[in-house]
PDB file of all heavy atoms in Angstrom:
ATOM      1  N   LYS A   1       0.822  -1.211   0.000  1.00  0.00           N
ATOM      2  CA  LYS A   1       0.000   0.000   0.000  1.00  0.00           C
ATOM      3  C   LYS A   1       0.861   1.268   0.000  1.00  0.00           C
ATOM      4  O   LYS A   1       0.523   2.258  -0.635  1.00  0.00           O
ATOM      5  CB  LYS A   1      -0.969   0.018   1.186  1.00  0.00           C
ATOM      6  CG  LYS A   1      -2.041  -1.033   1.072  1.00  0.00           C
ATOM      7  CD  LYS A   1      -2.809  -0.887  -0.227  1.00  0.00           C
ATOM      8  CE  LYS A   1      -3.685  -2.067  -0.512  1.00  0.00           C
ATOM      9  NZ  LYS A   1      -4.093  -2.190  -1.891  1.00  0.00           N
ATOM     10  N   LYS A   2       1.977   1.225   0.696  1.00  0.00           N
ATOM     11  CA  LYS A   2       2.854   2.390   0.797  1.00  0.00           C
ATOM     12  C   LYS A   2       3.698   2.586  -0.463  1.00  0.00           C
ATOM     13  O   LYS A   2       3.888   3.708  -0.916  1.00  0.00           O
ATOM     14  CB  LYS A   2       3.775   2.243   2.011  1.00  0.00           C
ATOM     15  CG  LYS A   2       4.715   3.397   2.218  1.00  0.00           C
ATOM     16  CD  LYS A   2       5.561   3.200   3.455  1.00  0.00           C
ATOM     17  CE  LYS A   2       6.540   4.344   3.631  1.00  0.00           C
ATOM     18  NZ  LYS A   2       7.443   4.132   4.754  1.00  0.00           N
ATOM     19  N   ASN A   3       4.197   1.471  -1.038  1.00  0.00           N
ATOM     20  CA  ASN A   3       5.182   1.561  -2.114  1.00  0.00           C
ATOM     21  C   ASN A   3       4.696   1.085  -3.478  1.00  0.00           C
ATOM     22  O   ASN A   3       5.384   1.284  -4.470  1.00  0.00           O
ATOM     23  CB  ASN A   3       6.433   0.752  -1.742  1.00  0.00           C
ATOM     24  CG  ASN A   3       7.041   1.214  -0.445  1.00  0.00           C
ATOM     25  OD1 ASN A   3       7.444   2.349  -0.320  1.00  0.00           O
ATOM     26  ND2 ASN A   3       7.077   0.326   0.535  1.00  0.00           N
ATOM     27  N   GLY A   4       3.556   0.401  -3.514  1.00  0.00           N
ATOM     28  CA  GLY A   4       3.108  -0.192  -4.765  1.00  0.00           C
ATOM     29  C   GLY A   4       3.896  -1.460  -5.078  1.00  0.00           C
ATOM     30  O   GLY A   4       4.745  -1.896  -4.302  1.00  0.00           O
ATOM     31  N   SER A   5       3.621  -2.049  -6.214  1.00  0.00           N
ATOM     32  CA  SER A   5       4.316  -3.274  -6.618  1.00  0.00           C
ATOM     33  C   SER A   5       5.784  -2.982  -6.887  1.00  0.00           C
ATOM     34  O   SER A   5       6.125  -1.949  -7.460  1.00  0.00           O
ATOM     35  CB  SER A   5       3.687  -3.853  -7.892  1.00  0.00           C
ATOM     36  OG  SER A   5       2.401  -4.350  -7.640  1.00  0.00           O
ATOM     37  N   GLY A   6       6.638  -3.914  -6.478  1.00  0.00           N
ATOM     38  CA  GLY A   6       8.063  -3.770  -6.764  1.00  0.00           C
ATOM     39  C   GLY A   6       8.935  -4.529  -5.789  1.00  0.00           C
ATOM     40  O   GLY A   6       8.465  -5.339  -4.989  1.00  0.00           O
ATOM     41  N   TYR A   7      10.224  -4.220  -5.875  1.00  0.00           N
ATOM     42  CA  TYR A   7      11.240  -4.897  -5.061  1.00  0.00           C
ATOM     43  C   TYR A   7      10.884  -4.829  -3.580  1.00  0.00           C
ATOM     44  O   TYR A   7      10.471  -3.784  -3.084  1.00  0.00           O
ATOM     45  CB  TYR A   7      12.604  -4.247  -5.304  1.00  0.00           C
ATOM     46  CG  TYR A   7      13.674  -4.741  -4.371  1.00  0.00           C
ATOM     47  CD1 TYR A   7      14.287  -5.971  -4.581  1.00  0.00           C
ATOM     48  CD2 TYR A   7      14.044  -4.000  -3.264  1.00  0.00           C
ATOM     49  CE1 TYR A   7      15.256  -6.436  -3.711  1.00  0.00           C
ATOM     50  CE2 TYR A   7      15.012  -4.451  -2.386  1.00  0.00           C
ATOM     51  CZ  TYR A   7      15.620  -5.675  -2.615  1.00  0.00           C
ATOM     52  OH  TYR A   7      16.572  -6.140  -1.734  1.00  0.00           O
ATOM     53  N   HIS A   8      11.119  -5.962  -2.889  1.00  0.00           N
ATOM     54  CA  HIS A   8      10.863  -6.021  -1.455  1.00  0.00           C
ATOM     55  C   HIS A   8      12.074  -6.514  -0.666  1.00  0.00           C
ATOM     56  O   HIS A   8      12.435  -5.931   0.345  1.00  0.00           O
ATOM     57  CB  HIS A   8       9.660  -6.919  -1.163  1.00  0.00           C
ATOM     58  CG  HIS A   8       9.349  -7.041   0.285  1.00  0.00           C
ATOM     59  ND1 HIS A   8       9.698  -8.147   1.036  1.00  0.00           N
ATOM     60  CD2 HIS A   8       8.718  -6.199   1.133  1.00  0.00           C
ATOM     61  CE1 HIS A   8       9.300  -7.980   2.274  1.00  0.00           C
ATOM     62  NE2 HIS A   8       8.699  -6.799   2.367  1.00  0.00           N
ATOM     63  N   HIS A   9      12.706  -7.630  -1.111  1.00  0.00           N
ATOM     64  CA  HIS A   9      13.807  -8.171  -0.327  1.00  0.00           C
ATOM     65  C   HIS A   9      14.779  -8.991  -1.166  1.00  0.00           C
ATOM     66  O   HIS A   9      14.471  -9.400  -2.273  1.00  0.00           O
ATOM     67  CB  HIS A   9      13.282  -9.045   0.821  1.00  0.00           C
ATOM     68  CG  HIS A   9      12.649 -10.334   0.367  1.00  0.00           C
ATOM     69  ND1 HIS A   9      11.312 -10.430   0.054  1.00  0.00           N
ATOM     70  CD2 HIS A   9      13.167 -11.567   0.170  1.00  0.00           C
ATOM     71  CE1 HIS A   9      11.032 -11.673  -0.305  1.00  0.00           C
ATOM     72  NE2 HIS A   9      12.146 -12.394  -0.260  1.00  0.00           N
ATOM     73  N   LEU A  10      15.940  -9.219  -0.569  1.00  0.00           N
ATOM     74  CA  LEU A  10      16.949 -10.099  -1.120  1.00  0.00           C
ATOM     75  C   LEU A  10      17.069 -11.270  -0.159  1.00  0.00           C
ATOM     76  O   LEU A  10      17.090 -11.067   1.064  1.00  0.00           O
ATOM     77  CB  LEU A  10      18.282  -9.347  -1.218  1.00  0.00           C
ATOM     78  CG  LEU A  10      19.418 -10.013  -1.973  1.00  0.00           C
ATOM     79  CD1 LEU A  10      19.025 -10.298  -3.420  1.00  0.00           C
ATOM     80  CD2 LEU A  10      20.646  -9.108  -1.942  1.00  0.00           C
ATOM     81  N   CYS A  11      17.113 -12.485  -0.693  1.00  0.00           N
ATOM     82  CA  CYS A  11      17.197 -13.670   0.152  1.00  0.00           C
ATOM     83  C   CYS A  11      18.529 -14.369  -0.059  1.00  0.00           C
ATOM     84  O   CYS A  11      18.922 -14.648  -1.200  1.00  0.00           O
ATOM     85  CB  CYS A  11      16.061 -14.637  -0.172  1.00  0.00           C
ATOM     86  SG  CYS A  11      16.152 -16.186   0.776  1.00  0.00           S
ATOM     87  N   TYR A  12      19.203 -14.657   1.042  1.00  0.00           N
ATOM     88  CA  TYR A  12      20.451 -15.404   1.024  1.00  0.00           C
ATOM     89  C   TYR A  12      20.212 -16.801   1.574  1.00  0.00           C
ATOM     90  O   TYR A  12      19.446 -16.977   2.530  1.00  0.00           O
ATOM     91  CB  TYR A  12      21.515 -14.720   1.882  1.00  0.00           C
ATOM     92  CG  TYR A  12      21.976 -13.398   1.347  1.00  0.00           C
ATOM     93  CD1 TYR A  12      21.465 -12.205   1.849  1.00  0.00           C
ATOM     94  CD2 TYR A  12      22.921 -13.337   0.334  1.00  0.00           C
ATOM     95  CE1 TYR A  12      21.892 -10.982   1.362  1.00  0.00           C
ATOM     96  CE2 TYR A  12      23.352 -12.121  -0.163  1.00  0.00           C
ATOM     97  CZ  TYR A  12      22.842 -10.944   0.359  1.00  0.00           C
ATOM     98  OH  TYR A  12      23.251  -9.733  -0.127  1.00  0.00           O
ATOM     99  N   GLU A  13      20.889 -17.764   1.006  1.00  0.00           N
ATOM    100  CA  GLU A  13      20.859 -19.137   1.509  1.00  0.00           C
ATOM    101  C   GLU A  13      22.006 -19.300   2.498  1.00  0.00           C
ATOM    102  O   GLU A  13      23.145 -18.933   2.197  1.00  0.00           O
ATOM    103  CB  GLU A  13      21.028 -20.097   0.337  1.00  0.00           C
ATOM    104  CG  GLU A  13      20.716 -21.533   0.668  1.00  0.00           C
ATOM    105  CD  GLU A  13      20.695 -22.396  -0.579  1.00  0.00           C
ATOM    106  OE1 GLU A  13      20.223 -21.942  -1.631  1.00  0.00           O
ATOM    107  OE2 GLU A  13      21.158 -23.557  -0.461  1.00  0.00           O
ATOM    108  N   VAL A  14      21.703 -19.836   3.670  1.00  0.00           N
ATOM    109  CA  VAL A  14      22.709 -20.065   4.708  1.00  0.00           C
ATOM    110  C   VAL A  14      22.619 -21.507   5.193  1.00  0.00           C
ATOM    111  O   VAL A  14      21.627 -22.193   4.947  1.00  0.00           O
ATOM    112  CB  VAL A  14      22.536 -19.092   5.900  1.00  0.00           C
ATOM    113  CG1 VAL A  14      22.797 -17.664   5.480  1.00  0.00           C
ATOM    114  CG2 VAL A  14      21.159 -19.215   6.525  1.00  0.00           C
ATOM    115  N   ASP A  15      23.663 -21.958   5.887  1.00  0.00           N
ATOM    116  CA  ASP A  15      23.739 -23.354   6.324  1.00  0.00           C
ATOM    117  C   ASP A  15      22.981 -23.645   7.610  1.00  0.00           C
ATOM    118  O   ASP A  15      22.645 -24.788   7.879  1.00  0.00           O
ATOM    119  CB  ASP A  15      25.201 -23.778   6.512  1.00  0.00           C
ATOM    120  CG  ASP A  15      25.960 -23.807   5.201  1.00  0.00           C
ATOM    121  OD1 ASP A  15      25.340 -24.090   4.161  1.00  0.00           O
ATOM    122  OD2 ASP A  15      27.170 -23.536   5.224  1.00  0.00           O
ATOM    123  N   SER A  16      22.747 -22.625   8.426  1.00  0.00           N
ATOM    124  CA  SER A  16      22.097 -22.861   9.714  1.00  0.00           C
ATOM    125  C   SER A  16      21.496 -21.575  10.255  1.00  0.00           C
ATOM    126  O   SER A  16      21.846 -20.476   9.802  1.00  0.00           O
ATOM    127  CB  SER A  16      23.119 -23.415  10.723  1.00  0.00           C
ATOM    128  OG  SER A  16      24.084 -22.421  11.031  1.00  0.00           O
ATOM    129  N   VAL A  17      20.617 -21.730  11.230  1.00  0.00           N
ATOM    130  CA  VAL A  17      20.056 -20.569  11.925  1.00  0.00           C
ATOM    131  C   VAL A  17      21.187 -19.811  12.603  1.00  0.00           C
ATOM    132  O   VAL A  17      21.222 -18.577  12.578  1.00  0.00           O
ATOM    133  CB  VAL A  17      18.972 -20.997  12.941  1.00  0.00           C
ATOM    134  CG1 VAL A  17      18.555 -19.829  13.819  1.00  0.00           C
ATOM    135  CG2 VAL A  17      17.759 -21.580  12.215  1.00  0.00           C
ATOM    136  N   ASP A  18      22.132 -20.541  13.192  1.00  0.00           N
ATOM    137  CA  ASP A  18      23.269 -19.882  13.842  1.00  0.00           C
ATOM    138  C   ASP A  18      24.062 -19.027  12.866  1.00  0.00           C
ATOM    139  O   ASP A  18      24.505 -17.917  13.207  1.00  0.00           O
ATOM    140  CB  ASP A  18      24.196 -20.915  14.497  1.00  0.00           C
ATOM    141  CG  ASP A  18      23.589 -21.542  15.739  1.00  0.00           C
ATOM    142  OD1 ASP A  18      22.634 -20.965  16.307  1.00  0.00           O
ATOM    143  OD2 ASP A  18      24.055 -22.625  16.144  1.00  0.00           O
ATOM    144  N   SER A  19      24.257 -19.530  11.635  1.00  0.00           N
ATOM    145  CA  SER A  19      24.960 -18.742  10.606  1.00  0.00           C
ATOM    146  C   SER A  19      24.211 -17.455  10.315  1.00  0.00           C
ATOM    147  O   SER A  19      24.809 -16.379  10.214  1.00  0.00           O
ATOM    148  CB  SER A  19      25.102 -19.536   9.312  1.00  0.00           C
ATOM    149  OG  SER A  19      25.924 -20.645   9.483  1.00  0.00           O
ATOM    150  N   ALA A  20      22.898 -17.559  10.152  1.00  0.00           N
ATOM    151  CA  ALA A  20      22.083 -16.375   9.886  1.00  0.00           C
ATOM    152  C   ALA A  20      22.197 -15.380  11.044  1.00  0.00           C
ATOM    153  O   ALA A  20      22.372 -14.171  10.818  1.00  0.00           O
ATOM    154  CB  ALA A  20      20.628 -16.761   9.662  1.00  0.00           C
ATOM    155  N   MET A  21      22.100 -15.884  12.263  1.00  0.00           N
ATOM    156  CA  MET A  21      22.180 -15.000  13.428  1.00  0.00           C
ATOM    157  C   MET A  21      23.544 -14.313  13.518  1.00  0.00           C
ATOM    158  O   MET A  21      23.623 -13.140  13.889  1.00  0.00           O
ATOM    159  CB  MET A  21      21.875 -15.779  14.711  1.00  0.00           C
ATOM    160  CG  MET A  21      20.430 -16.246  14.815  1.00  0.00           C
ATOM    161  SD  MET A  21      19.219 -14.899  14.680  1.00  0.00           S
ATOM    162  CE  MET A  21      19.631 -13.936  16.129  1.00  0.00           C
ATOM    163  N   GLN A  22      24.602 -15.028  13.166  1.00  0.00           N
ATOM    164  CA  GLN A  22      25.934 -14.422  13.187  1.00  0.00           C
ATOM    165  C   GLN A  22      26.047 -13.309  12.145  1.00  0.00           C
ATOM    166  O   GLN A  22      26.612 -12.254  12.417  1.00  0.00           O
ATOM    167  CB  GLN A  22      27.011 -15.487  12.946  1.00  0.00           C
ATOM    168  CG  GLN A  22      28.425 -14.953  13.024  1.00  0.00           C
ATOM    169  CD  GLN A  22      28.744 -14.287  14.348  1.00  0.00           C
ATOM    170  OE1 GLN A  22      28.344 -14.735  15.408  1.00  0.00           O
ATOM    171  NE2 GLN A  22      29.468 -13.177  14.294  1.00  0.00           N
ATOM    172  N   ILE A  23      25.509 -13.544  10.963  1.00  0.00           N
ATOM    173  CA  ILE A  23      25.528 -12.522   9.906  1.00  0.00           C
ATOM    174  C   ILE A  23      24.721 -11.302  10.341  1.00  0.00           C
ATOM    175  O   ILE A  23      25.161 -10.153  10.164  1.00  0.00           O
ATOM    176  CB  ILE A  23      24.979 -13.094   8.589  1.00  0.00           C
ATOM    177  CG1 ILE A  23      25.929 -14.179   8.059  1.00  0.00           C
ATOM    178  CG2 ILE A  23      24.768 -11.995   7.552  1.00  0.00           C
ATOM    179  CD1 ILE A  23      25.317 -15.067   6.994  1.00  0.00           C
ATOM    180  N   ILE A  24      23.560 -11.551  10.919  1.00  0.00           N
ATOM    181  CA  ILE A  24      22.716 -10.459  11.410  1.00  0.00           C
ATOM    182  C   ILE A  24      23.462  -9.640  12.462  1.00  0.00           C
ATOM    183  O   ILE A  24      23.507  -8.406  12.392  1.00  0.00           O
ATOM    184  CB  ILE A  24      21.382 -11.012  11.965  1.00  0.00           C
ATOM    185  CG1 ILE A  24      20.517 -11.545  10.808  1.00  0.00           C
ATOM    186  CG2 ILE A  24      20.632  -9.951  12.771  1.00  0.00           C
ATOM    187  CD1 ILE A  24      19.331 -12.389  11.248  1.00  0.00           C
ATOM    188  N   LYS A  25      24.083 -10.330  13.397  1.00  0.00           N
ATOM    189  CA  LYS A  25      24.801  -9.648  14.483  1.00  0.00           C
ATOM    190  C   LYS A  25      26.019  -8.889  13.960  1.00  0.00           C
ATOM    191  O   LYS A  25      26.205  -7.715  14.282  1.00  0.00           O
ATOM    192  CB  LYS A  25      25.241 -10.670  15.538  1.00  0.00           C
ATOM    193  CG  LYS A  25      25.955 -10.059  16.706  1.00  0.00           C
ATOM    194  CD  LYS A  25      26.341 -11.102  17.737  1.00  0.00           C
ATOM    195  CE  LYS A  25      27.110 -10.481  18.878  1.00  0.00           C
ATOM    196  NZ  LYS A  25      27.586 -11.495  19.827  1.00  0.00           N
ATOM    197  N   SER A  26      26.825  -9.535  13.136  1.00  0.00           N
ATOM    198  CA  SER A  26      28.070  -8.905  12.677  1.00  0.00           C
ATOM    199  C   SER A  26      27.816  -7.730  11.739  1.00  0.00           C
ATOM    200  O   SER A  26      28.659  -6.842  11.612  1.00  0.00           O
ATOM    201  CB  SER A  26      28.990  -9.935  12.015  1.00  0.00           C
ATOM    202  OG  SER A  26      28.423 -10.423  10.825  1.00  0.00           O
ATOM    203  N   ASN A  27      26.649  -7.706  11.097  1.00  0.00           N
ATOM    204  CA  ASN A  27      26.311  -6.597  10.206  1.00  0.00           C
ATOM    205  C   ASN A  27      25.363  -5.591  10.854  1.00  0.00           C
ATOM    206  O   ASN A  27      24.811  -4.719  10.177  1.00  0.00           O
ATOM    207  CB  ASN A  27      25.713  -7.129   8.908  1.00  0.00           C
ATOM    208  CG  ASN A  27      26.765  -7.788   8.047  1.00  0.00           C
ATOM    209  OD1 ASN A  27      27.526  -7.105   7.388  1.00  0.00           O
ATOM    210  ND2 ASN A  27      26.829  -9.103   8.068  1.00  0.00           N
ATOM    211  N   LYS A  28      25.149  -5.758  12.156  1.00  0.00           N
ATOM    212  CA  LYS A  28      24.315  -4.852  12.945  1.00  0.00           C
ATOM    213  C   LYS A  28      22.924  -4.686  12.361  1.00  0.00           C
ATOM    214  O   LYS A  28      22.366  -3.586  12.306  1.00  0.00           O
ATOM    215  CB  LYS A  28      25.004  -3.510  13.136  1.00  0.00           C
ATOM    216  CG  LYS A  28      26.288  -3.646  13.910  1.00  0.00           C
ATOM    217  CD  LYS A  28      26.978  -2.347  14.128  1.00  0.00           C
ATOM    218  CE  LYS A  28      28.207  -2.617  14.974  1.00  0.00           C
ATOM    219  NZ  LYS A  28      29.300  -1.742  14.698  1.00  0.00           N
ATOM    220  N   MET A  29      22.361  -5.814  11.905  1.00  0.00           N
ATOM    221  CA  MET A  29      20.990  -5.833  11.411  1.00  0.00           C
ATOM    222  C   MET A  29      20.040  -6.022  12.582  1.00  0.00           C
ATOM    223  O   MET A  29      20.459  -6.391  13.676  1.00  0.00           O
ATOM    224  CB  MET A  29      20.787  -6.988  10.418  1.00  0.00           C
ATOM    225  CG  MET A  29      21.596  -6.908   9.168  1.00  0.00           C
ATOM    226  SD  MET A  29      21.262  -8.374   8.144  1.00  0.00           S
ATOM    227  CE  MET A  29      22.486  -8.187   6.881  1.00  0.00           C
ATOM    228  N   ILE A  30      18.762  -5.788  12.334  1.00  0.00           N
ATOM    229  CA  ILE A  30      17.735  -6.016  13.345  1.00  0.00           C
ATOM    230  C   ILE A  30      16.872  -7.173  12.875  1.00  0.00           C
ATOM    231  O   ILE A  30      16.228  -7.089  11.821  1.00  0.00           O
ATOM    232  CB  ILE A  30      16.869  -4.759  13.554  1.00  0.00           C
ATOM    233  CG1 ILE A  30      17.736  -3.601  14.034  1.00  0.00           C
ATOM    234  CG2 ILE A  30      15.725  -5.053  14.530  1.00  0.00           C
ATOM    235  CD1 ILE A  30      17.022  -2.269  14.022  1.00  0.00           C
ATOM    236  N   LYS A  31      16.874  -8.271  13.638  1.00  0.00           N
ATOM    237  CA  LYS A  31      16.037  -9.414  13.290  1.00  0.00           C
ATOM    238  C   LYS A  31      14.594  -9.060  13.598  1.00  0.00           C
ATOM    239  O   LYS A  31      14.270  -8.595  14.682  1.00  0.00           O
ATOM    240  CB  LYS A  31      16.443 -10.665  14.070  1.00  0.00           C
ATOM    241  CG  LYS A  31      15.636 -11.907  13.661  1.00  0.00           C
ATOM    242  CD  LYS A  31      16.102 -13.154  14.388  1.00  0.00           C
ATOM    243  CE  LYS A  31      15.607 -13.216  15.770  1.00  0.00           C
ATOM    244  NZ  LYS A  31      14.466 -13.998  16.100  1.00  0.00           N
ATOM    245  N   VAL A  32      13.709  -9.281  12.616  1.00  0.00           N
ATOM    246  CA  VAL A  32      12.307  -8.919  12.803  1.00  0.00           C
ATOM    247  C   VAL A  32      11.370 -10.119  12.816  1.00  0.00           C
ATOM    248  O   VAL A  32      10.246 -10.009  13.305  1.00  0.00           O
ATOM    249  CB  VAL A  32      11.828  -7.896  11.743  1.00  0.00           C
ATOM    250  CG1 VAL A  32      12.532  -6.568  11.951  1.00  0.00           C
ATOM    251  CG2 VAL A  32      12.038  -8.401  10.329  1.00  0.00           C
ATOM    252  N   LEU A  33      11.825 -11.259  12.294  1.00  0.00           N
ATOM    253  CA  LEU A  33      10.963 -12.445  12.271  1.00  0.00           C
ATOM    254  C   LEU A  33      11.807 -13.688  12.078  1.00  0.00           C
ATOM    255  O   LEU A  33      12.733 -13.701  11.286  1.00  0.00           O
ATOM    256  CB  LEU A  33       9.941 -12.338  11.134  1.00  0.00           C
ATOM    257  CG  LEU A  33       8.954 -13.503  10.992  1.00  0.00           C
ATOM    258  CD1 LEU A  33       8.005 -13.556  12.193  1.00  0.00           C
ATOM    259  CD2 LEU A  33       8.152 -13.366   9.698  1.00  0.00           C
ATOM    260  N   GLY A  34      11.428 -14.727  12.804  1.00  0.00           N
ATOM    261  CA  GLY A  34      12.030 -16.034  12.557  1.00  0.00           C
ATOM    262  C   GLY A  34      12.891 -16.521  13.682  1.00  0.00           C
ATOM    263  O   GLY A  34      13.132 -15.811  14.641  1.00  0.00           O
ATOM    264  N   PRO A  35      13.293 -17.752  13.519  1.00  0.00           N
ATOM    265  CA  PRO A  35      13.018 -18.619  12.374  1.00  0.00           C
ATOM    266  C   PRO A  35      11.565 -19.119  12.354  1.00  0.00           C
ATOM    267  O   PRO A  35      11.001 -19.431  13.389  1.00  0.00           O
ATOM    268  CB  PRO A  35      13.992 -19.781  12.547  1.00  0.00           C
ATOM    269  CG  PRO A  35      14.335 -19.797  13.994  1.00  0.00           C
ATOM    270  CD  PRO A  35      14.181 -18.394  14.494  1.00  0.00           C
ATOM    271  N   VAL A  36      10.999 -19.140  11.157  1.00  0.00           N
ATOM    272  CA  VAL A  36       9.661 -19.680  10.915  1.00  0.00           C
ATOM    273  C   VAL A  36       9.731 -20.580   9.683  1.00  0.00           C
ATOM    274  O   VAL A  36      10.593 -20.388   8.826  1.00  0.00           O
ATOM    275  CB  VAL A  36       8.607 -18.564  10.699  1.00  0.00           C
ATOM    276  CG1 VAL A  36       8.428 -17.727  11.953  1.00  0.00           C
ATOM    277  CG2 VAL A  36       8.967 -17.685   9.513  1.00  0.00           C
ATOM    278  N   PRO A  37       8.824 -21.561   9.576  1.00  0.00           N
ATOM    279  CA  PRO A  37       8.833 -22.423   8.393  1.00  0.00           C
ATOM    280  C   PRO A  37       8.299 -21.682   7.165  1.00  0.00           C
ATOM    281  O   PRO A  37       7.308 -20.960   7.253  1.00  0.00           O
ATOM    282  CB  PRO A  37       7.925 -23.587   8.777  1.00  0.00           C
ATOM    283  CG  PRO A  37       7.082 -23.080   9.897  1.00  0.00           C
ATOM    284  CD  PRO A  37       7.843 -21.992  10.574  1.00  0.00           C
TER     285      PRO A  37
END
């Protein structure tokens, strides 16, 4: 509704939840959801 149709996200494949959490932490990202199926 705010932006209309278009780009939303980039998805990376990782080996584990721990790997994802390490990337999030080391890049000072904010986790907003997950892990979820």
